[in-house]
Amino acid sequence: MSKQKRVRRWLSVMVAIALCTIGGFTITEHQANSPAIAQVIPRVRPDGVWQQIYQRVPTLPLENQYVSKETKKVATDNTLVGRFIRYHLYSKGRLPFYRLDWKISLADYLGVNERMDETDYPSRDTLNQNPMEADIVAIRGLTRAQRDALVQALVDAFTASSSTPTTPTQP
C-alpha cells in the first residue's frame, strides 16, 4: 500500500474515532457489525481476556460461584471480570481501548453514572441467579488501587490484542 493511501486510511480512522468520541454516542454491537464501522474498529475477541486480567491483578474477586442453568454445575469460568467486560462491550456498547470508557463502566457499578438494568446484565439468562447485585457489591468493595489496576490491565489487554495483525502476512 502506498504511503499516501496509508495516510488517508489513518486519517479516516482518526476522524471516525474523533466523531464517535466528540459526538457523545456509543456504538452498539449491531452497529459494530456493519461494514462501515467494522473497517474503523478492529475486531476484539474478549474471550479469555478475563484470565489475563486475573493474572495481572490476582487480588480481584472471582465471583464465580453461580450455577449454570444448562449444566446445573458451578460455572467457574463465568467470573466478575468476564461479566464486567461483557457489560462494557455489549450492554453499553463502549470501546475497550480507552481508560475513560472503562472508568465510565466502573462508575455505573459504583452508582454515580448510568443506572444498570438487570434485564440487560451479562449471564442473567445462563445462570440460576442474576449476578448483577453481587457484582455491584464486589466492585464497590474494590480499593481505588484495585480499580485503577483493573482499568489499566483491561486497556493493556485490549490494546495488545487489537495491535496484532488481523490478516495473515505473507512470508
N, C-alpha and C. Protein backbone atom coordinates (compact mmCIF):
# COMPACT_ATOMS: atom_id res chain seq x y z
N MET A 1 0.85 -1.16 0.00
CA MET A 1 0.00 0.00 0.00
C MET A 1 0.90 1.23 0.00
N SER A 2 0.58 2.20 -0.82
CA SER A 2 1.42 3.39 -0.91
C SER A 2 1.30 4.23 0.36
N LYS A 3 2.28 5.08 0.56
CA LYS A 3 2.30 5.91 1.75
C LYS A 3 1.08 6.84 1.78
N GLN A 4 0.70 7.35 0.63
CA GLN A 4 -0.44 8.25 0.55
C GLN A 4 -1.74 7.53 0.96
N LYS A 5 -1.90 6.29 0.52
CA LYS A 5 -3.10 5.52 0.88
C LYS A 5 -3.11 5.23 2.38
N ARG A 6 -1.94 4.91 2.94
CA ARG A 6 -1.87 4.65 4.37
C ARG A 6 -2.23 5.89 5.18
N VAL A 7 -1.74 7.03 4.73
CA VAL A 7 -2.04 8.28 5.43
C VAL A 7 -3.54 8.57 5.35
N ARG A 8 -4.14 8.39 4.18
CA ARG A 8 -5.58 8.62 4.03
C ARG A 8 -6.38 7.68 4.92
N ARG A 9 -5.98 6.42 4.95
CA ARG A 9 -6.70 5.45 5.77
C ARG A 9 -6.56 5.80 7.25
N TRP A 10 -5.36 6.16 7.66
CA TRP A 10 -5.13 6.55 9.04
C TRP A 10 -5.97 7.76 9.40
N LEU A 11 -6.01 8.76 8.52
CA LEU A 11 -6.82 9.95 8.77
C LEU A 11 -8.31 9.60 8.86
N SER A 12 -8.76 8.70 8.00
CA SER A 12 -10.16 8.29 8.04
C SER A 12 -10.51 7.65 9.37
N VAL A 13 -9.62 6.79 9.84
CA VAL A 13 -9.85 6.13 11.12
C VAL A 13 -9.86 7.17 12.25
N MET A 14 -8.91 8.08 12.24
CA MET A 14 -8.85 9.09 13.29
C MET A 14 -10.08 9.99 13.29
N VAL A 15 -10.54 10.38 12.11
CA VAL A 15 -11.74 11.22 12.01
C VAL A 15 -12.95 10.46 12.54
N ALA A 16 -13.07 9.19 12.18
CA ALA A 16 -14.21 8.39 12.65
C ALA A 16 -14.18 8.25 14.17
N ILE A 17 -13.02 8.00 14.73
CA ILE A 17 -12.91 7.87 16.18
C ILE A 17 -13.21 9.20 16.85
N ALA A 18 -12.70 10.29 16.28
CA ALA A 18 -12.97 11.61 16.85
C ALA A 18 -14.46 11.93 16.81
N LEU A 19 -15.10 11.61 15.71
CA LEU A 19 -16.54 11.86 15.60
C LEU A 19 -17.32 11.05 16.63
N CYS A 20 -16.92 9.81 16.82
CA CYS A 20 -17.59 8.97 17.82
C CYS A 20 -17.38 9.54 19.22
N THR A 21 -16.17 9.98 19.51
CA THR A 21 -15.85 10.49 20.83
C THR A 21 -16.50 11.84 21.08
N ILE A 22 -16.37 12.75 20.13
CA ILE A 22 -16.92 14.10 20.29
C ILE A 22 -18.44 14.06 20.24
N GLY A 23 -18.98 13.22 19.39
CA GLY A 23 -20.42 13.14 19.23
C GLY A 23 -21.14 12.64 20.47
N GLY A 24 -20.43 12.00 21.37
CA GLY A 24 -21.01 11.55 22.61
C GLY A 24 -21.92 10.33 22.49
N PHE A 25 -21.81 9.59 21.41
CA PHE A 25 -22.62 8.39 21.28
C PHE A 25 -21.73 7.18 21.31
N THR A 26 -22.34 6.05 21.59
CA THR A 26 -21.60 4.81 21.61
C THR A 26 -22.07 3.94 20.46
N ILE A 27 -21.25 2.97 20.12
CA ILE A 27 -21.57 2.07 19.03
C ILE A 27 -22.11 0.78 19.62
N THR A 28 -23.30 0.39 19.21
CA THR A 28 -23.89 -0.84 19.72
C THR A 28 -23.28 -2.04 19.02
N GLU A 29 -23.52 -3.21 19.58
CA GLU A 29 -22.98 -4.44 18.99
C GLU A 29 -23.50 -4.61 17.56
N HIS A 30 -24.77 -4.28 17.32
CA HIS A 30 -25.35 -4.40 15.98
C HIS A 30 -24.65 -3.45 15.01
N GLN A 31 -24.40 -2.21 15.44
CA GLN A 31 -23.73 -1.25 14.58
C GLN A 31 -22.29 -1.65 14.32
N ALA A 32 -21.64 -2.25 15.31
CA ALA A 32 -20.24 -2.64 15.15
C ALA A 32 -20.08 -3.71 14.09
N ASN A 33 -21.14 -4.45 13.79
CA ASN A 33 -21.07 -5.48 12.77
C ASN A 33 -21.32 -4.94 11.37
N SER A 34 -21.71 -3.68 11.26
CA SER A 34 -21.93 -3.11 9.94
C SER A 34 -20.58 -2.90 9.25
N PRO A 35 -20.53 -3.01 7.92
CA PRO A 35 -19.25 -2.91 7.21
C PRO A 35 -18.53 -1.59 7.44
N ALA A 36 -19.26 -0.48 7.50
CA ALA A 36 -18.60 0.82 7.67
C ALA A 36 -17.90 0.91 9.01
N ILE A 37 -18.55 0.49 10.07
CA ILE A 37 -17.96 0.54 11.40
C ILE A 37 -16.88 -0.52 11.55
N ALA A 38 -17.10 -1.68 10.99
CA ALA A 38 -16.15 -2.78 11.12
C ALA A 38 -14.79 -2.42 10.54
N GLN A 39 -14.76 -1.53 9.54
CA GLN A 39 -13.48 -1.12 8.97
C GLN A 39 -12.73 -0.20 9.91
N VAL A 40 -13.46 0.55 10.74
CA VAL A 40 -12.83 1.50 11.63
C VAL A 40 -12.39 0.84 12.93
N ILE A 41 -13.22 -0.04 13.48
CA ILE A 41 -12.94 -0.65 14.77
C ILE A 41 -12.38 -2.05 14.56
N PRO A 42 -11.17 -2.31 15.05
CA PRO A 42 -10.64 -3.66 14.93
C PRO A 42 -11.51 -4.63 15.71
N ARG A 43 -11.66 -5.83 15.21
CA ARG A 43 -12.47 -6.85 15.86
C ARG A 43 -11.75 -7.31 17.13
N VAL A 44 -12.44 -7.22 18.23
CA VAL A 44 -11.87 -7.59 19.52
C VAL A 44 -12.51 -8.88 19.98
N ARG A 45 -11.70 -9.80 20.46
CA ARG A 45 -12.21 -11.06 20.98
C ARG A 45 -12.03 -11.06 22.50
N PRO A 46 -13.12 -10.81 23.23
CA PRO A 46 -12.99 -10.72 24.68
C PRO A 46 -12.84 -12.06 25.39
N ASP A 47 -13.03 -13.18 24.67
CA ASP A 47 -12.91 -14.50 25.28
C ASP A 47 -11.50 -14.67 25.83
N GLY A 48 -11.40 -15.01 27.06
CA GLY A 48 -10.10 -15.28 27.64
C GLY A 48 -9.37 -14.06 28.17
N VAL A 49 -9.85 -12.85 27.85
CA VAL A 49 -9.19 -11.65 28.37
C VAL A 49 -9.31 -11.62 29.89
N TRP A 50 -10.44 -12.12 30.40
CA TRP A 50 -10.63 -12.11 31.85
C TRP A 50 -9.53 -12.88 32.56
N GLN A 51 -9.01 -13.94 31.92
CA GLN A 51 -7.93 -14.73 32.54
C GLN A 51 -6.65 -13.89 32.64
N GLN A 52 -6.37 -13.11 31.59
CA GLN A 52 -5.20 -12.23 31.62
C GLN A 52 -5.32 -11.20 32.74
N ILE A 53 -6.53 -10.69 32.93
CA ILE A 53 -6.75 -9.67 33.95
C ILE A 53 -6.51 -10.26 35.34
N TYR A 54 -7.02 -11.45 35.59
CA TYR A 54 -6.80 -12.08 36.90
C TYR A 54 -5.33 -12.43 37.12
N GLN A 55 -4.58 -12.71 36.06
CA GLN A 55 -3.15 -12.94 36.21
C GLN A 55 -2.43 -11.65 36.60
N ARG A 56 -2.85 -10.54 35.99
CA ARG A 56 -2.21 -9.25 36.27
C ARG A 56 -2.65 -8.66 37.61
N VAL A 57 -3.91 -8.90 37.99
CA VAL A 57 -4.45 -8.35 39.24
C VAL A 57 -5.09 -9.50 40.03
N PRO A 58 -4.27 -10.33 40.67
CA PRO A 58 -4.80 -11.54 41.33
C PRO A 58 -5.66 -11.25 42.56
N THR A 59 -5.67 -10.02 43.06
CA THR A 59 -6.47 -9.70 44.24
C THR A 59 -7.94 -9.44 43.91
N LEU A 60 -8.30 -9.43 42.63
CA LEU A 60 -9.70 -9.20 42.26
C LEU A 60 -10.55 -10.41 42.64
N PRO A 61 -11.77 -10.18 43.13
CA PRO A 61 -12.64 -11.31 43.46
C PRO A 61 -13.11 -12.03 42.20
N LEU A 62 -13.21 -13.35 42.27
CA LEU A 62 -13.67 -14.14 41.13
C LEU A 62 -15.19 -14.06 40.95
N GLU A 63 -15.91 -14.15 42.05
CA GLU A 63 -17.38 -14.15 41.99
C GLU A 63 -17.88 -15.17 40.97
N ASN A 64 -17.34 -16.37 41.02
CA ASN A 64 -17.69 -17.41 40.05
C ASN A 64 -18.37 -18.61 40.71
N GLN A 65 -19.19 -18.34 41.70
CA GLN A 65 -19.86 -19.41 42.44
C GLN A 65 -21.26 -19.72 41.91
N TYR A 66 -21.66 -19.10 40.82
CA TYR A 66 -23.03 -19.25 40.31
C TYR A 66 -23.20 -20.55 39.53
N VAL A 67 -24.41 -21.10 39.58
CA VAL A 67 -24.72 -22.37 38.93
C VAL A 67 -25.30 -22.10 37.54
N SER A 68 -24.79 -22.83 36.57
CA SER A 68 -25.27 -22.72 35.20
C SER A 68 -26.64 -23.38 35.07
N LYS A 69 -27.56 -22.72 34.38
CA LYS A 69 -28.88 -23.31 34.14
C LYS A 69 -28.77 -24.54 33.26
N GLU A 70 -27.84 -24.50 32.32
CA GLU A 70 -27.70 -25.59 31.35
C GLU A 70 -27.08 -26.84 31.95
N THR A 71 -25.94 -26.68 32.63
CA THR A 71 -25.20 -27.85 33.13
C THR A 71 -25.56 -28.22 34.57
N LYS A 72 -26.20 -27.29 35.29
CA LYS A 72 -26.54 -27.49 36.72
C LYS A 72 -25.29 -27.62 37.59
N LYS A 73 -24.17 -27.15 37.08
CA LYS A 73 -22.91 -27.16 37.82
C LYS A 73 -22.43 -25.72 37.98
N VAL A 74 -21.51 -25.52 38.92
CA VAL A 74 -20.96 -24.19 39.12
C VAL A 74 -20.19 -23.78 37.87
N ALA A 75 -20.50 -22.60 37.36
CA ALA A 75 -19.86 -22.08 36.15
C ALA A 75 -18.61 -21.30 36.56
N THR A 76 -17.52 -22.02 36.79
CA THR A 76 -16.30 -21.39 37.32
C THR A 76 -15.65 -20.43 36.33
N ASP A 77 -15.97 -20.56 35.05
CA ASP A 77 -15.38 -19.65 34.06
C ASP A 77 -16.26 -18.42 33.83
N ASN A 78 -17.33 -18.28 34.57
CA ASN A 78 -18.20 -17.11 34.48
C ASN A 78 -17.85 -16.20 35.66
N THR A 79 -16.90 -15.29 35.45
CA THR A 79 -16.32 -14.51 36.53
C THR A 79 -16.80 -13.06 36.53
N LEU A 80 -16.52 -12.39 37.63
CA LEU A 80 -16.83 -10.97 37.76
C LEU A 80 -16.21 -10.17 36.62
N VAL A 81 -14.93 -10.37 36.37
CA VAL A 81 -14.25 -9.61 35.32
C VAL A 81 -14.81 -9.95 33.94
N GLY A 82 -15.12 -11.21 33.70
CA GLY A 82 -15.72 -11.59 32.42
C GLY A 82 -17.06 -10.90 32.20
N ARG A 83 -17.88 -10.85 33.24
CA ARG A 83 -19.18 -10.17 33.13
C ARG A 83 -18.99 -8.67 32.99
N PHE A 84 -18.00 -8.11 33.69
CA PHE A 84 -17.72 -6.68 33.57
C PHE A 84 -17.32 -6.33 32.14
N ILE A 85 -16.49 -7.15 31.53
CA ILE A 85 -16.07 -6.94 30.14
C ILE A 85 -17.29 -7.01 29.21
N ARG A 86 -18.13 -8.02 29.38
CA ARG A 86 -19.31 -8.16 28.52
C ARG A 86 -20.30 -7.01 28.74
N TYR A 87 -20.44 -6.57 29.98
CA TYR A 87 -21.31 -5.41 30.27
C TYR A 87 -20.79 -4.20 29.50
N HIS A 88 -19.50 -3.95 29.61
CA HIS A 88 -18.87 -2.80 28.97
C HIS A 88 -19.03 -2.85 27.44
N LEU A 89 -18.71 -3.99 26.85
CA LEU A 89 -18.73 -4.11 25.39
C LEU A 89 -20.13 -4.25 24.81
N TYR A 90 -20.94 -5.12 25.38
CA TYR A 90 -22.21 -5.49 24.74
C TYR A 90 -23.42 -4.78 25.33
N SER A 91 -23.49 -4.67 26.66
CA SER A 91 -24.64 -4.00 27.25
C SER A 91 -24.58 -2.49 27.01
N LYS A 92 -23.38 -1.92 27.11
CA LYS A 92 -23.24 -0.48 26.96
C LYS A 92 -22.67 -0.07 25.60
N GLY A 93 -22.06 -0.99 24.87
CA GLY A 93 -21.52 -0.68 23.55
C GLY A 93 -20.32 0.26 23.59
N ARG A 94 -19.54 0.18 24.65
CA ARG A 94 -18.37 1.06 24.79
C ARG A 94 -17.14 0.37 24.21
N LEU A 95 -16.21 1.21 23.74
CA LEU A 95 -14.98 0.69 23.15
C LEU A 95 -14.03 0.21 24.25
N PRO A 96 -13.22 -0.80 23.97
CA PRO A 96 -12.35 -1.37 25.01
C PRO A 96 -10.95 -0.76 25.08
N PHE A 97 -10.67 0.25 24.27
CA PHE A 97 -9.30 0.73 24.13
C PHE A 97 -8.96 1.92 25.02
N TYR A 98 -9.94 2.51 25.69
CA TYR A 98 -9.72 3.78 26.39
C TYR A 98 -10.03 3.67 27.87
N ARG A 99 -9.12 4.21 28.68
CA ARG A 99 -9.28 4.21 30.14
C ARG A 99 -10.59 4.87 30.56
N LEU A 100 -10.90 6.00 29.93
CA LEU A 100 -12.10 6.74 30.32
C LEU A 100 -13.36 5.89 30.15
N ASP A 101 -13.45 5.15 29.05
CA ASP A 101 -14.62 4.30 28.84
C ASP A 101 -14.75 3.24 29.93
N TRP A 102 -13.63 2.63 30.32
CA TRP A 102 -13.68 1.63 31.39
C TRP A 102 -14.06 2.28 32.72
N LYS A 103 -13.57 3.49 32.96
CA LYS A 103 -13.92 4.19 34.20
C LYS A 103 -15.40 4.56 34.22
N ILE A 104 -15.95 4.87 33.06
CA ILE A 104 -17.39 5.15 32.98
C ILE A 104 -18.19 3.90 33.34
N SER A 105 -17.74 2.75 32.85
CA SER A 105 -18.43 1.50 33.21
C SER A 105 -18.29 1.22 34.71
N LEU A 106 -17.11 1.48 35.27
CA LEU A 106 -16.95 1.32 36.72
C LEU A 106 -17.90 2.26 37.46
N ALA A 107 -18.06 3.47 36.94
CA ALA A 107 -18.96 4.44 37.57
C ALA A 107 -20.40 3.94 37.57
N ASP A 108 -20.78 3.18 36.55
CA ASP A 108 -22.11 2.56 36.55
C ASP A 108 -22.25 1.64 37.76
N TYR A 109 -21.25 0.81 37.99
CA TYR A 109 -21.28 -0.14 39.11
C TYR A 109 -21.25 0.60 40.46
N LEU A 110 -20.57 1.73 40.49
CA LEU A 110 -20.46 2.49 41.73
C LEU A 110 -21.70 3.35 41.98
N GLY A 111 -22.62 3.39 41.01
CA GLY A 111 -23.86 4.13 41.19
C GLY A 111 -23.76 5.62 40.95
N VAL A 112 -22.71 6.06 40.27
CA VAL A 112 -22.53 7.50 40.04
C VAL A 112 -22.67 7.90 38.57
N ASN A 113 -23.04 6.98 37.73
CA ASN A 113 -23.25 7.30 36.31
C ASN A 113 -24.62 6.80 35.90
N GLU A 114 -24.69 5.89 34.96
CA GLU A 114 -25.98 5.38 34.49
C GLU A 114 -26.50 4.27 35.40
N ARG A 115 -27.80 4.19 35.48
CA ARG A 115 -28.44 3.11 36.25
C ARG A 115 -28.30 1.81 35.46
N MET A 116 -27.92 0.75 36.15
CA MET A 116 -27.74 -0.54 35.49
C MET A 116 -29.08 -1.26 35.42
N ASP A 117 -29.31 -1.94 34.29
CA ASP A 117 -30.57 -2.64 34.05
C ASP A 117 -30.33 -4.14 34.20
N GLU A 118 -30.99 -4.75 35.18
CA GLU A 118 -30.76 -6.18 35.43
C GLU A 118 -31.29 -7.06 34.30
N THR A 119 -32.19 -6.54 33.47
CA THR A 119 -32.70 -7.34 32.34
C THR A 119 -31.71 -7.37 31.18
N ASP A 120 -30.66 -6.53 31.25
CA ASP A 120 -29.66 -6.48 30.19
C ASP A 120 -28.27 -6.85 30.72
N TYR A 121 -28.22 -7.45 31.89
CA TYR A 121 -26.93 -7.76 32.50
C TYR A 121 -26.39 -9.09 31.99
N PRO A 122 -25.08 -9.17 31.72
CA PRO A 122 -24.49 -10.42 31.22
C PRO A 122 -24.74 -11.61 32.16
N SER A 123 -25.01 -12.74 31.57
CA SER A 123 -25.21 -14.03 32.26
C SER A 123 -26.54 -14.13 33.00
N ARG A 124 -27.40 -13.15 32.89
CA ARG A 124 -28.70 -13.21 33.58
C ARG A 124 -29.52 -14.40 33.08
N ASP A 125 -29.33 -14.78 31.81
CA ASP A 125 -30.11 -15.88 31.23
C ASP A 125 -29.43 -17.24 31.37
N THR A 126 -28.12 -17.25 31.62
CA THR A 126 -27.40 -18.52 31.65
C THR A 126 -27.13 -19.05 33.05
N LEU A 127 -27.31 -18.20 34.06
CA LEU A 127 -27.07 -18.62 35.44
C LEU A 127 -28.40 -18.70 36.19
N ASN A 128 -28.45 -19.53 37.23
CA ASN A 128 -29.68 -19.68 38.02
C ASN A 128 -30.07 -18.39 38.73
N GLN A 129 -29.08 -17.56 39.01
CA GLN A 129 -29.32 -16.30 39.72
C GLN A 129 -28.63 -15.18 38.96
N ASN A 130 -29.30 -14.05 38.79
CA ASN A 130 -28.68 -12.90 38.13
C ASN A 130 -27.59 -12.35 39.06
N PRO A 131 -26.34 -12.30 38.59
CA PRO A 131 -25.23 -11.90 39.46
C PRO A 131 -25.05 -10.38 39.60
N MET A 132 -25.93 -9.58 39.01
CA MET A 132 -25.72 -8.14 38.97
C MET A 132 -25.54 -7.51 40.36
N GLU A 133 -26.45 -7.77 41.27
CA GLU A 133 -26.37 -7.14 42.60
C GLU A 133 -25.07 -7.52 43.32
N ALA A 134 -24.71 -8.78 43.28
CA ALA A 134 -23.47 -9.22 43.94
C ALA A 134 -22.25 -8.63 43.24
N ASP A 135 -22.31 -8.49 41.92
CA ASP A 135 -21.20 -7.88 41.18
C ASP A 135 -21.04 -6.41 41.56
N ILE A 136 -22.16 -5.72 41.72
CA ILE A 136 -22.10 -4.32 42.15
C ILE A 136 -21.44 -4.22 43.52
N VAL A 137 -21.84 -5.09 44.44
CA VAL A 137 -21.24 -5.10 45.78
C VAL A 137 -19.74 -5.39 45.69
N ALA A 138 -19.36 -6.35 44.85
CA ALA A 138 -17.95 -6.72 44.70
C ALA A 138 -17.13 -5.56 44.13
N ILE A 139 -17.65 -4.89 43.11
CA ILE A 139 -16.94 -3.76 42.51
C ILE A 139 -16.83 -2.61 43.52
N ARG A 140 -17.90 -2.36 44.25
CA ARG A 140 -17.87 -1.30 45.26
C ARG A 140 -16.90 -1.62 46.39
N GLY A 141 -16.62 -2.89 46.59
CA GLY A 141 -15.68 -3.30 47.63
C GLY A 141 -14.22 -3.20 47.23
N LEU A 142 -13.96 -2.94 45.95
CA LEU A 142 -12.57 -2.80 45.50
C LEU A 142 -11.98 -1.49 46.00
N THR A 143 -10.69 -1.51 46.27
CA THR A 143 -10.00 -0.27 46.62
C THR A 143 -9.76 0.54 45.35
N ARG A 144 -9.42 1.80 45.53
CA ARG A 144 -9.11 2.63 44.36
C ARG A 144 -7.93 2.04 43.59
N ALA A 145 -6.93 1.54 44.30
CA ALA A 145 -5.77 0.94 43.64
C ALA A 145 -6.18 -0.29 42.82
N GLN A 146 -7.08 -1.10 43.34
CA GLN A 146 -7.56 -2.27 42.59
C GLN A 146 -8.34 -1.84 41.35
N ARG A 147 -9.19 -0.82 41.50
CA ARG A 147 -9.95 -0.34 40.34
C ARG A 147 -9.03 0.22 39.27
N ASP A 148 -8.02 0.99 39.70
CA ASP A 148 -7.06 1.53 38.74
C ASP A 148 -6.28 0.42 38.05
N ALA A 149 -5.87 -0.59 38.82
CA ALA A 149 -5.13 -1.72 38.24
C ALA A 149 -6.01 -2.49 37.27
N LEU A 150 -7.29 -2.66 37.60
CA LEU A 150 -8.24 -3.33 36.71
C LEU A 150 -8.36 -2.57 35.39
N VAL A 151 -8.56 -1.27 35.47
CA VAL A 151 -8.70 -0.46 34.25
C VAL A 151 -7.44 -0.55 33.41
N GLN A 152 -6.27 -0.41 34.03
CA GLN A 152 -5.02 -0.46 33.27
C GLN A 152 -4.82 -1.83 32.63
N ALA A 153 -5.11 -2.88 33.36
CA ALA A 153 -4.96 -4.23 32.81
C ALA A 153 -5.91 -4.45 31.63
N LEU A 154 -7.13 -3.94 31.72
CA LEU A 154 -8.09 -4.07 30.61
C LEU A 154 -7.62 -3.31 29.38
N VAL A 155 -7.19 -2.08 29.56
CA VAL A 155 -6.70 -1.29 28.42
C VAL A 155 -5.49 -1.98 27.80
N ASP A 156 -4.56 -2.43 28.62
CA ASP A 156 -3.37 -3.12 28.11
C ASP A 156 -3.75 -4.38 27.34
N ALA A 157 -4.66 -5.17 27.89
CA ALA A 157 -5.05 -6.43 27.24
C ALA A 157 -5.72 -6.18 25.90
N PHE A 158 -6.63 -5.23 25.84
CA PHE A 158 -7.34 -4.98 24.59
C PHE A 158 -6.49 -4.21 23.59
N THR A 159 -5.59 -3.37 24.06
CA THR A 159 -4.71 -2.66 23.14
C THR A 159 -3.73 -3.64 22.52
N ALA A 160 -3.21 -4.56 23.32
CA ALA A 160 -2.28 -5.57 22.79
C ALA A 160 -2.98 -6.48 21.80
N SER A 161 -4.24 -6.88 22.10
CA SER A 161 -4.94 -7.80 21.19
C SER A 161 -5.38 -7.10 19.92
N SER A 162 -5.60 -5.79 19.96
CA SER A 162 -6.02 -5.09 18.75
C SER A 162 -4.85 -4.72 17.86
N SER A 163 -3.62 -4.73 18.43
CA SER A 163 -2.47 -4.36 17.62
C SER A 163 -1.89 -5.54 16.86
N THR A 164 -2.38 -6.74 17.16
CA THR A 164 -1.92 -7.90 16.41
C THR A 164 -2.56 -7.89 15.04
N PRO A 165 -1.85 -8.34 14.01
CA PRO A 165 -2.41 -8.30 12.67
C PRO A 165 -3.69 -9.13 12.57
N THR A 166 -4.68 -8.57 11.87
CA THR A 166 -5.95 -9.28 11.71
C THR A 166 -5.97 -10.10 10.43
N THR A 167 -5.04 -9.83 9.53
CA THR A 167 -4.96 -10.61 8.30
C THR A 167 -3.61 -11.29 8.25
N PRO A 168 -3.55 -12.47 7.68
CA PRO A 168 -2.27 -13.17 7.63
C PRO A 168 -1.26 -12.40 6.78
N THR A 169 -0.03 -12.40 7.24
CA THR A 169 1.02 -11.75 6.46
C THR A 169 1.70 -12.77 5.57
N GLN A 170 2.18 -12.30 4.45
CA GLN A 170 2.85 -13.22 3.53
C GLN A 170 4.29 -13.41 3.97
N PRO A 171 4.81 -14.62 3.83
CA PRO A 171 6.19 -14.88 4.26
C PRO A 171 7.19 -14.19 3.38
